[in-house]
């Protein structure tokens, strides 16, 4: 299962997501499910972002 990425860089907890950036996973953009959460439609990976724009959790 591919890890979520930004500009080809694999994300891990503590990485900064940035503003107005949608992460990619499985070859396509993840879907925003809430203001601070993204989900991959292919593998179901969820990426949680904290109020500072940092990756809080990947599951």
C-alpha atoms as a PDB file:
ATOM      1  CA  UNK A   1       0.000   0.000   0.000  1.00  0.00           C
ATOM      2  CA  UNK A   2       1.521   3.369  -0.997  1.00  0.00           C
ATOM      3  CA  UNK A   3       2.061   6.020   1.675  1.00  0.00           C
ATOM      4  CA  UNK A   4       0.432   9.446   1.213  1.00  0.00           C
ATOM      5  CA  UNK A   5       2.818  11.873  -0.478  1.00  0.00           C
ATOM      6  CA  UNK A   6       3.303  15.537  -1.386  1.00  0.00           C
ATOM      7  CA  UNK A   7       5.299  16.284  -4.543  1.00  0.00           C
ATOM      8  CA  UNK A   8       6.640  12.701  -4.460  1.00  0.00           C
ATOM      9  CA  UNK A   9       7.847  12.942  -0.839  1.00  0.00           C
ATOM     10  CA  UNK A  10       6.254  10.289   1.427  1.00  0.00           C
ATOM     11  CA  UNK A  11       4.530  11.840   4.433  1.00  0.00           C
ATOM     12  CA  UNK A  12       5.010  10.692   8.011  1.00  0.00           C
ATOM     13  CA  UNK A  13       3.759  12.094  11.364  1.00  0.00           C
ATOM     14  CA  UNK A  14       5.322  15.502  12.075  1.00  0.00           C
ATOM     15  CA  UNK A  15       5.695  16.506   8.406  1.00  0.00           C
ATOM     16  CA  UNK A  16       4.174  19.841   7.401  1.00  0.00           C
ATOM     17  CA  UNK A  17       1.355  19.494   4.880  1.00  0.00           C
ATOM     18  CA  UNK A  18       1.245  23.151   3.839  1.00  0.00           C
ATOM     19  CA  UNK A  19      -1.713  25.294   2.924  1.00  0.00           C
ATOM     20  CA  UNK A  20      -4.043  24.529   0.041  1.00  0.00           C
ATOM     21  CA  UNK A  21      -2.229  21.286  -0.765  1.00  0.00           C
ATOM     22  CA  UNK A  22      -4.079  18.023  -1.315  1.00  0.00           C
ATOM     23  CA  UNK A  23      -1.961  14.935  -0.634  1.00  0.00           C
ATOM     24  CA  UNK A  24      -1.680  12.089  -3.155  1.00  0.00           C
ATOM     25  CA  UNK A  25      -2.048   8.370  -2.489  1.00  0.00           C
ATOM     26  CA  UNK A  26      -2.355   5.409  -4.893  1.00  0.00           C
ATOM     27  CA  UNK A  27      -1.588   7.673  -7.859  1.00  0.00           C
ATOM     28  CA  UNK A  28      -4.299  10.281  -7.249  1.00  0.00           C
ATOM     29  CA  UNK A  29      -5.372  13.083  -4.931  1.00  0.00           C
ATOM     30  CA  UNK A  30      -6.895  12.141  -1.586  1.00  0.00           C
ATOM     31  CA  UNK A  31     -10.419  13.393  -0.785  1.00  0.00           C
ATOM     32  CA  UNK A  32     -10.908  15.893   2.037  1.00  0.00           C
ATOM     33  CA  UNK A  33     -13.400  14.358   4.476  1.00  0.00           C
ATOM     34  CA  UNK A  34     -13.173  17.199   6.998  1.00  0.00           C
ATOM     35  CA  UNK A  35     -11.112  20.354   7.265  1.00  0.00           C
ATOM     36  CA  UNK A  36      -8.271  18.355   8.831  1.00  0.00           C
ATOM     37  CA  UNK A  37      -8.709  14.884   7.332  1.00  0.00           C
ATOM     38  CA  UNK A  38      -8.056  13.251   3.941  1.00  0.00           C
ATOM     39  CA  UNK A  39      -9.007   9.753   2.723  1.00  0.00           C
ATOM     40  CA  UNK A  40      -7.697   7.704  -0.205  1.00  0.00           C
ATOM     41  CA  UNK A  41     -10.522   6.271  -2.310  1.00  0.00           C
ATOM     42  CA  UNK A  42      -8.371   3.340  -3.441  1.00  0.00           C
ATOM     43  CA  UNK A  43      -6.779   1.922  -0.273  1.00  0.00           C
ATOM     44  CA  UNK A  44      -8.789   3.723   2.447  1.00  0.00           C
ATOM     45  CA  UNK A  45      -5.748   5.376   4.081  1.00  0.00           C
ATOM     46  CA  UNK A  46      -6.735   8.320   6.316  1.00  0.00           C
ATOM     47  CA  UNK A  47      -4.386  11.271   6.860  1.00  0.00           C
ATOM     48  CA  UNK A  48      -5.143  13.515   9.877  1.00  0.00           C
ATOM     49  CA  UNK A  49      -3.735  17.074  10.044  1.00  0.00           C
ATOM     50  CA  UNK A  50      -3.483  19.146  13.257  1.00  0.00           C
ATOM     51  CA  UNK A  51      -4.271  22.868  13.613  1.00  0.00           C
ATOM     52  CA  UNK A  52      -0.654  23.795  12.749  1.00  0.00           C
ATOM     53  CA  UNK A  53      -0.814  21.980   9.390  1.00  0.00           C
ATOM     54  CA  UNK A  54       1.342  19.081  10.600  1.00  0.00           C
ATOM     55  CA  UNK A  55       0.611  15.431   9.858  1.00  0.00           C
ATOM     56  CA  UNK A  56      -0.838  14.084  13.117  1.00  0.00           C
ATOM     57  CA  UNK A  57      -1.790  10.510  12.159  1.00  0.00           C
ATOM     58  CA  UNK A  58      -1.763   8.130   9.180  1.00  0.00           C
ATOM     59  CA  UNK A  59      -3.945   5.025   9.381  1.00  0.00           C
END
